[in-house]
Amino acid sequence: MQDLRKQFGEIDIYLFDQLLRGRVVPGMRVFDAGCGAGRNLVYFLSQGYEVFGVDSDPHAIAKVRRLAASLAPVLPDDSFRAEAVEAISFPDAFADVVVSSAVLHFANDDEHFRAMLFGTWRALKPGGLFFCRLASSIGMENRITRLAGRRFLLPDGSERYLVDEKLLEDLGEELRGKTADPLKTTVVQDQRSMTTWVLRKFNGAEQITTPQVPVP
């Protein structure tokens, strides 16, 4: 058990599933949009992947830089930057895999959500894999309280921006992404619902700019 924890850290189990299926392999460039202290990056760092990340919390970036220094000392500190996912300074279409784990549901409103999503998507190469885990209303429709727009109060007391199946399908089409997996949703003891959304980026989709159409 300790060996597994040392090798994979606290990686999201659904991201681990992508590894098991051979969708993320050595030689790929991995970008974690909202990386926190690097809970999903231990394996990638230790196995020699090119790893990059952003997080709006400078303290989290300091921690992930220390993690990278211990596991992948060849990576420069600038691989991890304290900045918002809607305003990343990395080039467009530079990553083979983009990870967005428990990030997008912190959006303030529709405009903010779209800025975060499209800002993250721009970093992905054509043909690349977009892995996203975010809070949703799926399976929780009768247990959440609308605050404003898509902001809801959850039974666990938290406030989140919640997506649903139709919205994710519509956004996938708008992004020109191809569904790589069916949507998978976990309802956590009737307190919150987390959905896994995995897309492939069509060739040429890196040219997309953020539309001004509001989220339905």
C-alpha atoms as a PDB file:
ATOM      1  CA  MET A   1       0.000   0.000   0.000  1.00  0.00           C
ATOM      2  CA  GLN A   2       2.806   2.390   0.879  1.00  0.00           C
ATOM      3  CA  ASP A   3       4.533   1.568  -2.409  1.00  0.00           C
ATOM      4  CA  LEU A   4       1.375   2.432  -4.341  1.00  0.00           C
ATOM      5  CA  ARG A   5       0.979   5.717  -2.465  1.00  0.00           C
ATOM      6  CA  LYS A   6       4.619   6.571  -3.103  1.00  0.00           C
ATOM      7  CA  GLN A   7       4.255   5.835  -6.822  1.00  0.00           C
ATOM      8  CA  PHE A   8       0.879   7.467  -7.479  1.00  0.00           C
ATOM      9  CA  GLY A   9       0.290   9.846  -4.579  1.00  0.00           C
ATOM     10  CA  GLU A  10      -3.384  10.736  -4.159  1.00  0.00           C
ATOM     11  CA  ILE A  11      -4.196  10.622  -7.864  1.00  0.00           C
ATOM     12  CA  ASP A  12      -7.849  10.893  -8.865  1.00  0.00           C
ATOM     13  CA  ILE A  13      -9.078   7.336  -9.420  1.00  0.00           C
ATOM     14  CA  TYR A  14     -10.648   8.277 -12.766  1.00  0.00           C
ATOM     15  CA  LEU A  15      -7.405   9.836 -13.965  1.00  0.00           C
ATOM     16  CA  PHE A  16      -5.659   6.637 -12.861  1.00  0.00           C
ATOM     17  CA  ASP A  17      -8.136   4.803 -15.093  1.00  0.00           C
ATOM     18  CA  GLN A  18      -6.892   6.812 -18.084  1.00  0.00           C
ATOM     19  CA  LEU A  19      -3.367   5.633 -17.267  1.00  0.00           C
ATOM     20  CA  LEU A  20      -4.470   2.013 -17.020  1.00  0.00           C
ATOM     21  CA  ARG A  21      -6.050   2.231 -20.457  1.00  0.00           C
ATOM     22  CA  GLY A  22      -2.889   3.584 -22.034  1.00  0.00           C
ATOM     23  CA  ARG A  23      -4.246   6.999 -22.914  1.00  0.00           C
ATOM     24  CA  VAL A  24      -1.515   8.856 -21.030  1.00  0.00           C
ATOM     25  CA  VAL A  25       1.944   7.482 -21.775  1.00  0.00           C
ATOM     26  CA  PRO A  26       5.564   8.553 -21.225  1.00  0.00           C
ATOM     27  CA  GLY A  27       6.724  11.221 -23.631  1.00  0.00           C
ATOM     28  CA  MET A  28       3.474  13.152 -23.369  1.00  0.00           C
ATOM     29  CA  ARG A  29       3.312  16.692 -22.046  1.00  0.00           C
ATOM     30  CA  VAL A  30       0.832  16.948 -19.170  1.00  0.00           C
ATOM     31  CA  PHE A  31      -0.728  20.252 -18.083  1.00  0.00           C
ATOM     32  CA  ASP A  32      -2.690  20.430 -14.823  1.00  0.00           C
ATOM     33  CA  ALA A  33      -5.008  23.446 -14.881  1.00  0.00           C
ATOM     34  CA  GLY A  34      -5.657  24.068 -11.197  1.00  0.00           C
ATOM     35  CA  CYS A  35      -2.936  21.755  -9.937  1.00  0.00           C
ATOM     36  CA  GLY A  36      -3.090  22.684  -6.254  1.00  0.00           C
ATOM     37  CA  ALA A  37      -0.147  21.144  -4.402  1.00  0.00           C
ATOM     38  CA  GLY A  38       0.225  18.451  -7.081  1.00  0.00           C
ATOM     39  CA  ARG A  39      -1.945  15.597  -5.830  1.00  0.00           C
ATOM     40  CA  ASN A  40      -2.431  14.309  -9.404  1.00  0.00           C
ATOM     41  CA  LEU A  41       1.149  14.834 -10.543  1.00  0.00           C
ATOM     42  CA  VAL A  42       3.291  12.485  -8.416  1.00  0.00           C
ATOM     43  CA  TYR A  43       3.346   9.660 -10.959  1.00  0.00           C
ATOM     44  CA  PHE A  44       3.928  11.934 -13.951  1.00  0.00           C
ATOM     45  CA  LEU A  45       6.789  13.740 -12.244  1.00  0.00           C
ATOM     46  CA  SER A  46       8.475  10.550 -11.087  1.00  0.00           C
ATOM     47  CA  GLN A  47       8.162   8.900 -14.520  1.00  0.00           C
ATOM     48  CA  GLY A  48       9.827  11.680 -16.492  1.00  0.00           C
ATOM     49  CA  TYR A  49       6.797  13.267 -18.149  1.00  0.00           C
ATOM     50  CA  GLU A  50       6.996  16.926 -19.125  1.00  0.00           C
ATOM     51  CA  VAL A  51       4.705  18.366 -16.480  1.00  0.00           C
ATOM     52  CA  PHE A  52       3.263  21.866 -16.222  1.00  0.00           C
ATOM     53  CA  GLY A  53       0.631  23.422 -14.010  1.00  0.00           C
ATOM     54  CA  VAL A  54      -1.105  26.559 -12.859  1.00  0.00           C
ATOM     55  CA  ASP A  55      -3.031  27.435  -9.740  1.00  0.00           C
ATOM     56  CA  SER A  56      -4.389  30.722  -8.466  1.00  0.00           C
ATOM     57  CA  ASP A  57      -2.974  30.013  -4.984  1.00  0.00           C
ATOM     58  CA  PRO A  58       0.727  30.984  -4.745  1.00  0.00           C
ATOM     59  CA  HIS A  59       1.162  28.787  -1.655  1.00  0.00           C
ATOM     60  CA  ALA A  60      -0.036  25.760  -3.635  1.00  0.00           C
ATOM     61  CA  ILE A  61       2.406  26.586  -6.425  1.00  0.00           C
ATOM     62  CA  ALA A  62       5.247  26.784  -3.888  1.00  0.00           C
ATOM     63  CA  LYS A  63       4.300  23.280  -2.697  1.00  0.00           C
ATOM     64  CA  VAL A  64       4.086  21.754  -6.161  1.00  0.00           C
ATOM     65  CA  ARG A  65       7.432  23.299  -7.059  1.00  0.00           C
ATOM     66  CA  ARG A  66       8.972  21.607  -4.014  1.00  0.00           C
ATOM     67  CA  LEU A  67       7.344  18.331  -5.051  1.00  0.00           C
ATOM     68  CA  ALA A  68       8.716  18.688  -8.581  1.00  0.00           C
ATOM     69  CA  ALA A  69      12.186  19.539  -7.260  1.00  0.00           C
ATOM     70  CA  SER A  70      12.245  16.271  -5.318  1.00  0.00           C
ATOM     71  CA  LEU A  71      10.820  14.041  -8.068  1.00  0.00           C
ATOM     72  CA  ALA A  72      11.891  15.755 -11.304  1.00  0.00           C
ATOM     73  CA  PRO A  73      14.723  18.198 -10.537  1.00  0.00           C
ATOM     74  CA  VAL A  74      15.343  18.853 -14.251  1.00  0.00           C
ATOM     75  CA  LEU A  75      12.020  20.684 -14.530  1.00  0.00           C
ATOM     76  CA  PRO A  76      12.375  24.462 -14.163  1.00  0.00           C
ATOM     77  CA  ASP A  77      10.362  26.246 -11.471  1.00  0.00           C
ATOM     78  CA  ASP A  78       8.598  28.167 -14.242  1.00  0.00           C
ATOM     79  CA  SER A  79       6.813  24.973 -15.246  1.00  0.00           C
ATOM     80  CA  PHE A  80       4.392  25.813 -12.415  1.00  0.00           C
ATOM     81  CA  ARG A  81       2.862  29.268 -12.317  1.00  0.00           C
ATOM     82  CA  ALA A  82       0.581  31.135  -9.944  1.00  0.00           C
ATOM     83  CA  GLU A  83      -2.170  32.258 -12.284  1.00  0.00           C
ATOM     84  CA  ALA A  84      -5.848  31.691 -12.987  1.00  0.00           C
ATOM     85  CA  VAL A  85      -6.871  28.996 -15.474  1.00  0.00           C
ATOM     86  CA  GLU A  86      -8.800  31.577 -17.489  1.00  0.00           C
ATOM     87  CA  ALA A  87      -5.609  33.591 -18.019  1.00  0.00           C
ATOM     88  CA  ILE A  88      -2.801  31.065 -18.422  1.00  0.00           C
ATOM     89  CA  SER A  89       0.458  32.340 -19.890  1.00  0.00           C
ATOM     90  CA  PHE A  90       1.484  29.025 -21.463  1.00  0.00           C
ATOM     91  CA  PRO A  91       1.176  28.799 -25.277  1.00  0.00           C
ATOM     92  CA  ASP A  92      -1.961  27.583 -27.005  1.00  0.00           C
ATOM     93  CA  ALA A  93      -2.031  23.912 -28.037  1.00  0.00           C
ATOM     94  CA  PHE A  94       1.139  22.943 -26.161  1.00  0.00           C
ATOM     95  CA  ALA A  95      -0.054  19.959 -24.068  1.00  0.00           C
ATOM     96  CA  ASP A  96      -0.924  16.386 -25.026  1.00  0.00           C
ATOM     97  CA  VAL A  97      -3.047  15.948 -21.898  1.00  0.00           C
ATOM     98  CA  VAL A  98      -4.907  18.620 -19.953  1.00  0.00           C
ATOM     99  CA  VAL A  99      -6.196  17.819 -16.475  1.00  0.00           C
ATOM    100  CA  SER A 100      -8.916  19.869 -14.804  1.00  0.00           C
ATOM    101  CA  SER A 101      -9.744  18.157 -11.522  1.00  0.00           C
ATOM    102  CA  ALA A 102     -12.259  19.766  -9.131  1.00  0.00           C
ATOM    103  CA  VAL A 103     -11.665  23.249 -10.533  1.00  0.00           C
ATOM    104  CA  LEU A 104     -14.439  24.450 -12.845  1.00  0.00           C
ATOM    105  CA  HIS A 105     -17.189  24.199 -10.223  1.00  0.00           C
ATOM    106  CA  PHE A 106     -15.607  27.155  -8.414  1.00  0.00           C
ATOM    107  CA  ALA A 107     -16.787  29.477 -11.194  1.00  0.00           C
ATOM    108  CA  ASN A 108     -18.707  32.525  -9.988  1.00  0.00           C
ATOM    109  CA  ASP A 109     -21.184  32.619 -12.860  1.00  0.00           C
ATOM    110  CA  ASP A 110     -21.719  31.596 -16.497  1.00  0.00           C
ATOM    111  CA  GLU A 111     -19.178  34.050 -17.890  1.00  0.00           C
ATOM    112  CA  HIS A 112     -16.520  32.972 -15.423  1.00  0.00           C
ATOM    113  CA  PHE A 113     -17.186  29.280 -16.092  1.00  0.00           C
ATOM    114  CA  ARG A 114     -16.804  29.730 -19.822  1.00  0.00           C
ATOM    115  CA  ALA A 115     -13.602  31.744 -19.390  1.00  0.00           C
ATOM    116  CA  MET A 116     -12.145  28.998 -17.186  1.00  0.00           C
ATOM    117  CA  LEU A 117     -13.194  26.195 -19.532  1.00  0.00           C
ATOM    118  CA  PHE A 118     -12.093  27.806 -22.779  1.00  0.00           C
ATOM    119  CA  GLY A 119      -8.885  29.101 -21.209  1.00  0.00           C
ATOM    120  CA  THR A 120      -8.051  25.548 -20.146  1.00  0.00           C
ATOM    121  CA  TRP A 121      -9.064  24.015 -23.485  1.00  0.00           C
ATOM    122  CA  ARG A 122      -6.764  26.325 -25.453  1.00  0.00           C
ATOM    123  CA  ALA A 123      -3.724  24.654 -23.905  1.00  0.00           C
ATOM    124  CA  LEU A 124      -4.616  21.289 -25.485  1.00  0.00           C
ATOM    125  CA  LYS A 125      -3.069  20.083 -28.749  1.00  0.00           C
ATOM    126  CA  PRO A 126      -5.294  18.807 -31.563  1.00  0.00           C
ATOM    127  CA  GLY A 127      -5.868  15.131 -30.904  1.00  0.00           C
ATOM    128  CA  GLY A 128      -5.041  15.620 -27.217  1.00  0.00           C
ATOM    129  CA  LEU A 129      -6.953  14.332 -24.208  1.00  0.00           C
ATOM    130  CA  PHE A 130      -8.988  16.594 -21.923  1.00  0.00           C
ATOM    131  CA  PHE A 131      -9.724  15.054 -18.521  1.00  0.00           C
ATOM    132  CA  CYS A 132     -12.165  16.937 -16.324  1.00  0.00           C
ATOM    133  CA  ARG A 133     -13.828  16.192 -12.984  1.00  0.00           C
ATOM    134  CA  LEU A 134     -16.370  18.709 -11.753  1.00  0.00           C
ATOM    135  CA  ALA A 135     -19.448  19.009  -9.581  1.00  0.00           C
ATOM    136  CA  SER A 136     -22.784  18.482 -11.290  1.00  0.00           C
ATOM    137  CA  SER A 137     -26.489  18.345 -10.554  1.00  0.00           C
ATOM    138  CA  ILE A 138     -26.770  14.835 -12.034  1.00  0.00           C
ATOM    139  CA  GLY A 139     -28.524  12.579  -9.552  1.00  0.00           C
ATOM    140  CA  MET A 140     -28.911  15.462  -7.081  1.00  0.00           C
ATOM    141  CA  GLU A 141     -31.644  17.479  -8.777  1.00  0.00           C
ATOM    142  CA  ASN A 142     -34.028  17.285  -5.801  1.00  0.00           C
ATOM    143  CA  ARG A 143     -31.408  17.898  -3.122  1.00  0.00           C
ATOM    144  CA  ILE A 144     -29.825  21.146  -4.252  1.00  0.00           C
ATOM    145  CA  THR A 145     -30.990  24.748  -3.839  1.00  0.00           C
ATOM    146  CA  ARG A 146     -30.510  27.268  -6.622  1.00  0.00           C
ATOM    147  CA  LEU A 147     -28.831  30.486  -5.474  1.00  0.00           C
ATOM    148  CA  ALA A 148     -28.358  32.292  -8.786  1.00  0.00           C
ATOM    149  CA  GLY A 149     -27.958  30.991 -12.331  1.00  0.00           C
ATOM    150  CA  ARG A 150     -26.055  27.717 -12.061  1.00  0.00           C
ATOM    151  CA  ARG A 151     -24.760  28.433  -8.567  1.00  0.00           C
ATOM    152  CA  PHE A 152     -26.324  26.030  -6.058  1.00  0.00           C
ATOM    153  CA  LEU A 153     -26.197  25.250  -2.361  1.00  0.00           C
ATOM    154  CA  LEU A 154     -25.364  21.574  -1.848  1.00  0.00           C
ATOM    155  CA  PRO A 155     -26.481  19.383   1.066  1.00  0.00           C
ATOM    156  CA  ASP A 156     -22.885  19.355   2.345  1.00  0.00           C
ATOM    157  CA  GLY A 157     -23.147  23.128   2.867  1.00  0.00           C
ATOM    158  CA  SER A 158     -20.879  24.138  -0.015  1.00  0.00           C
ATOM    159  CA  GLU A 159     -21.791  26.441  -2.902  1.00  0.00           C
ATOM    160  CA  ARG A 160     -20.855  25.281  -6.382  1.00  0.00           C
ATOM    161  CA  TYR A 161     -21.410  26.045 -10.044  1.00  0.00           C
ATOM    162  CA  LEU A 162     -23.151  22.902 -11.286  1.00  0.00           C
ATOM    163  CA  VAL A 163     -23.315  21.492 -14.786  1.00  0.00           C
ATOM    164  CA  ASP A 164     -25.716  18.861 -16.106  1.00  0.00           C
ATOM    165  CA  GLU A 165     -25.561  16.278 -18.880  1.00  0.00           C
ATOM    166  CA  LYS A 166     -27.100  18.462 -21.587  1.00  0.00           C
ATOM    167  CA  LEU A 167     -24.787  21.359 -20.853  1.00  0.00           C
ATOM    168  CA  LEU A 168     -21.705  19.137 -21.075  1.00  0.00           C
ATOM    169  CA  GLU A 169     -22.935  17.639 -24.347  1.00  0.00           C
ATOM    170  CA  ASP A 170     -23.584  21.117 -25.788  1.00  0.00           C
ATOM    171  CA  LEU A 171     -20.208  22.390 -24.620  1.00  0.00           C
ATOM    172  CA  GLY A 172     -18.466  19.367 -26.120  1.00  0.00           C
ATOM    173  CA  GLU A 173     -19.989  20.192 -29.497  1.00  0.00           C
ATOM    174  CA  GLU A 174     -19.092  23.861 -29.145  1.00  0.00           C
ATOM    175  CA  LEU A 175     -15.507  22.991 -28.294  1.00  0.00           C
ATOM    176  CA  ARG A 176     -15.491  20.585 -31.231  1.00  0.00           C
ATOM    177  CA  GLY A 177     -14.423  17.855 -28.874  1.00  0.00           C
ATOM    178  CA  LYS A 178     -15.120  14.168 -29.358  1.00  0.00           C
ATOM    179  CA  THR A 179     -16.383  12.253 -26.336  1.00  0.00           C
ATOM    180  CA  ALA A 180     -13.689   9.784 -25.282  1.00  0.00           C
ATOM    181  CA  ASP A 181     -15.754   8.186 -22.499  1.00  0.00           C
ATOM    182  CA  PRO A 182     -19.401   8.224 -21.485  1.00  0.00           C
ATOM    183  CA  LEU A 183     -20.112  10.679 -18.695  1.00  0.00           C
ATOM    184  CA  LYS A 184     -19.527   9.002 -15.334  1.00  0.00           C
ATOM    185  CA  THR A 185     -21.107  10.464 -12.227  1.00  0.00           C
ATOM    186  CA  THR A 186     -20.527   9.566  -8.591  1.00  0.00           C
ATOM    187  CA  VAL A 187     -23.102  10.652  -6.003  1.00  0.00           C
ATOM    188  CA  VAL A 188     -21.345  10.939  -2.650  1.00  0.00           C
ATOM    189  CA  GLN A 189     -23.841   9.886   0.051  1.00  0.00           C
ATOM    190  CA  ASP A 190     -26.467  12.361  -1.224  1.00  0.00           C
ATOM    191  CA  GLN A 191     -24.179  15.255  -0.312  1.00  0.00           C
ATOM    192  CA  ARG A 192     -22.653  16.126  -3.691  1.00  0.00           C
ATOM    193  CA  SER A 193     -22.258  14.752  -7.196  1.00  0.00           C
ATOM    194  CA  MET A 194     -19.012  14.606  -9.204  1.00  0.00           C
ATOM    195  CA  THR A 195     -18.977  13.969 -12.956  1.00  0.00           C
ATOM    196  CA  THR A 196     -16.031  12.823 -15.086  1.00  0.00           C
ATOM    197  CA  TRP A 197     -15.933  14.401 -18.549  1.00  0.00           C
ATOM    198  CA  VAL A 198     -13.303  13.188 -21.036  1.00  0.00           C
ATOM    199  CA  LEU A 199     -12.894  14.610 -24.549  1.00  0.00           C
ATOM    200  CA  ARG A 200     -10.530  14.394 -27.494  1.00  0.00           C
ATOM    201  CA  LYS A 201      -9.743  17.611 -29.340  1.00  0.00           C
ATOM    202  CA  PHE A 202     -10.485  17.664 -33.055  1.00  0.00           C
ATOM    203  CA  ASN A 203      -7.757  18.876 -35.403  1.00  0.00           C
ATOM    204  CA  GLY A 204      -7.959  22.632 -35.811  1.00  0.00           C
ATOM    205  CA  ALA A 205      -9.993  23.154 -32.632  1.00  0.00           C
ATOM    206  CA  GLU A 206      -7.129  25.022 -31.007  1.00  0.00           C
ATOM    207  CA  GLN A 207      -8.205  28.110 -32.929  1.00  0.00           C
ATOM    208  CA  ILE A 208     -11.471  28.404 -30.979  1.00  0.00           C
ATOM    209  CA  THR A 209     -11.996  31.667 -29.121  1.00  0.00           C
ATOM    210  CA  THR A 210     -14.373  32.164 -26.235  1.00  0.00           C
ATOM    211  CA  PRO A 211     -17.881  32.835 -27.577  1.00  0.00           C
ATOM    212  CA  GLN A 212     -20.024  35.421 -25.845  1.00  0.00           C
ATOM    213  CA  VAL A 213     -23.182  33.297 -25.856  1.00  0.00           C
ATOM    214  CA  PRO A 214     -24.335  32.734 -22.256  1.00  0.00           C
ATOM    215  CA  VAL A 215     -24.538  29.233 -20.823  1.00  0.00           C
ATOM    216  CA  PRO A 216     -28.159  27.986 -21.031  1.00  0.00           C
END
